[in-house]
Protein backbone atom coordinates (compact mmCIF):
# COMPACT_ATOMS: atom_id res chain seq x y z
CA MET A 1 58.36 117.57 91.29
CA PHE A 2 61.41 119.19 89.67
CA GLU A 3 61.41 122.81 88.67
CA HIS A 4 64.00 122.18 86.00
CA ALA A 5 64.72 118.91 84.27
CA PRO A 6 68.27 117.62 84.78
CA THR A 7 70.50 118.45 81.83
CA THR A 8 72.67 115.97 80.03
CA GLU A 9 75.09 118.48 78.57
CA HIS A 10 78.68 117.34 78.57
CA VAL A 11 81.31 119.87 79.51
CA ARG A 12 84.55 119.39 77.62
CA PRO A 13 87.70 119.87 79.68
CA ALA A 14 90.09 122.60 78.66
CA ARG A 15 92.88 121.55 76.31
CA VAL A 16 96.42 121.68 77.61
CA GLY A 17 99.21 123.32 75.69
CA PRO A 18 102.58 121.95 74.61
CA ALA A 19 104.35 123.52 77.60
CA PHE A 20 102.16 121.60 80.05
CA PHE A 21 102.71 118.39 78.11
CA ALA A 22 106.51 118.91 78.09
CA VAL A 23 106.61 119.60 81.83
CA TYR A 24 104.42 116.54 82.51
CA VAL A 25 106.64 114.25 80.43
CA LEU A 26 109.77 115.63 82.10
CA ALA A 27 108.26 115.12 85.56
CA MET A 28 107.31 111.51 84.78
CA PHE A 29 110.82 110.86 83.43
CA ASP A 30 112.34 112.34 86.60
CA VAL A 31 110.18 110.15 88.82
CA TRP A 32 111.12 107.07 86.79
CA MET A 33 114.83 107.93 87.06
CA ALA A 34 114.57 108.56 90.80
CA ILE A 35 112.99 105.16 91.34
CA SER A 36 115.01 103.12 88.84
CA LEU A 37 118.52 104.53 89.05
CA PRO A 38 119.59 103.61 92.61
CA GLU A 39 118.95 99.88 92.13
CA PRO A 40 121.66 99.03 89.55
CA VAL A 41 124.21 101.26 91.26
CA THR A 42 123.57 99.67 94.65
CA LEU A 43 123.62 96.19 93.09
CA ALA A 44 127.03 96.85 91.50
CA LEU A 45 128.45 98.13 94.80
CA ARG A 46 127.12 95.14 96.76
CA ILE A 47 128.48 92.64 94.24
CA SER A 48 131.90 94.33 94.43
CA GLN A 49 131.84 94.03 98.23
CA ILE A 50 130.70 90.40 98.32
CA GLY A 51 133.00 88.88 95.71
CA PRO A 52 135.54 91.22 94.15
CA GLU A 53 137.29 88.40 92.26
CA GLY A 54 134.17 87.24 90.42
CA LYS A 55 132.61 90.63 89.69
CA ALA A 56 132.21 90.10 85.94
CA THR A 57 130.34 86.83 86.34
CA SER A 58 128.19 88.14 89.18
CA HIS A 59 127.34 91.32 87.27
CA SER A 60 126.09 89.21 84.36
CA ILE A 61 124.10 86.72 86.46
CA ALA A 62 122.37 89.19 88.80
CA PRO A 63 120.29 91.03 86.15
CA GLY A 64 119.21 87.71 84.66
CA VAL A 65 117.98 86.47 88.00
CA GLY A 66 116.25 89.81 88.63
CA TRP A 67 114.55 89.60 85.24
CA LEU A 68 113.38 86.06 85.98
CA VAL A 69 112.01 87.03 89.40
CA SER A 70 110.30 90.18 88.11
CA GLY A 71 108.86 88.23 85.19
CA THR A 72 107.42 85.74 87.63
CA ALA A 73 105.95 88.58 89.69
CA VAL A 74 104.30 90.09 86.63
CA MET A 75 102.82 86.72 85.72
CA ALA A 76 101.53 86.33 89.28
CA VAL A 77 99.89 89.76 89.20
CA ALA A 78 98.13 88.78 85.97
CA ALA A 79 97.28 85.22 87.04
CA VAL A 80 95.81 85.85 90.49
CA PRO A 81 92.69 87.71 89.29
CA LEU A 82 92.16 85.21 86.48
CA PHE A 83 92.30 82.22 88.79
CA GLY A 84 90.19 84.09 91.34
CA ILE A 85 87.43 84.59 88.80
CA ARG A 86 87.73 80.98 87.62
CA SER A 87 87.48 79.59 91.16
CA GLU A 88 84.12 81.26 91.85
């Protein structure tokens, strides 16, 4: 049926050097900074526009509320598949 039997040899991928690793880490850091940096700057500007007299209080409350909301979102992402499996 087959002229040659299928082989099960595993081909190892080529190793990358330190230069590739450094460029990859730098690129990931740049992407993270591009995504994360505008949010706190924009938040500070908006708080200053909304209530300039209570900036210090608002600047301390806003990150706490953001942390609470993002924590809830992370819990939801983890809980939805678990409850989905349990409901079946």
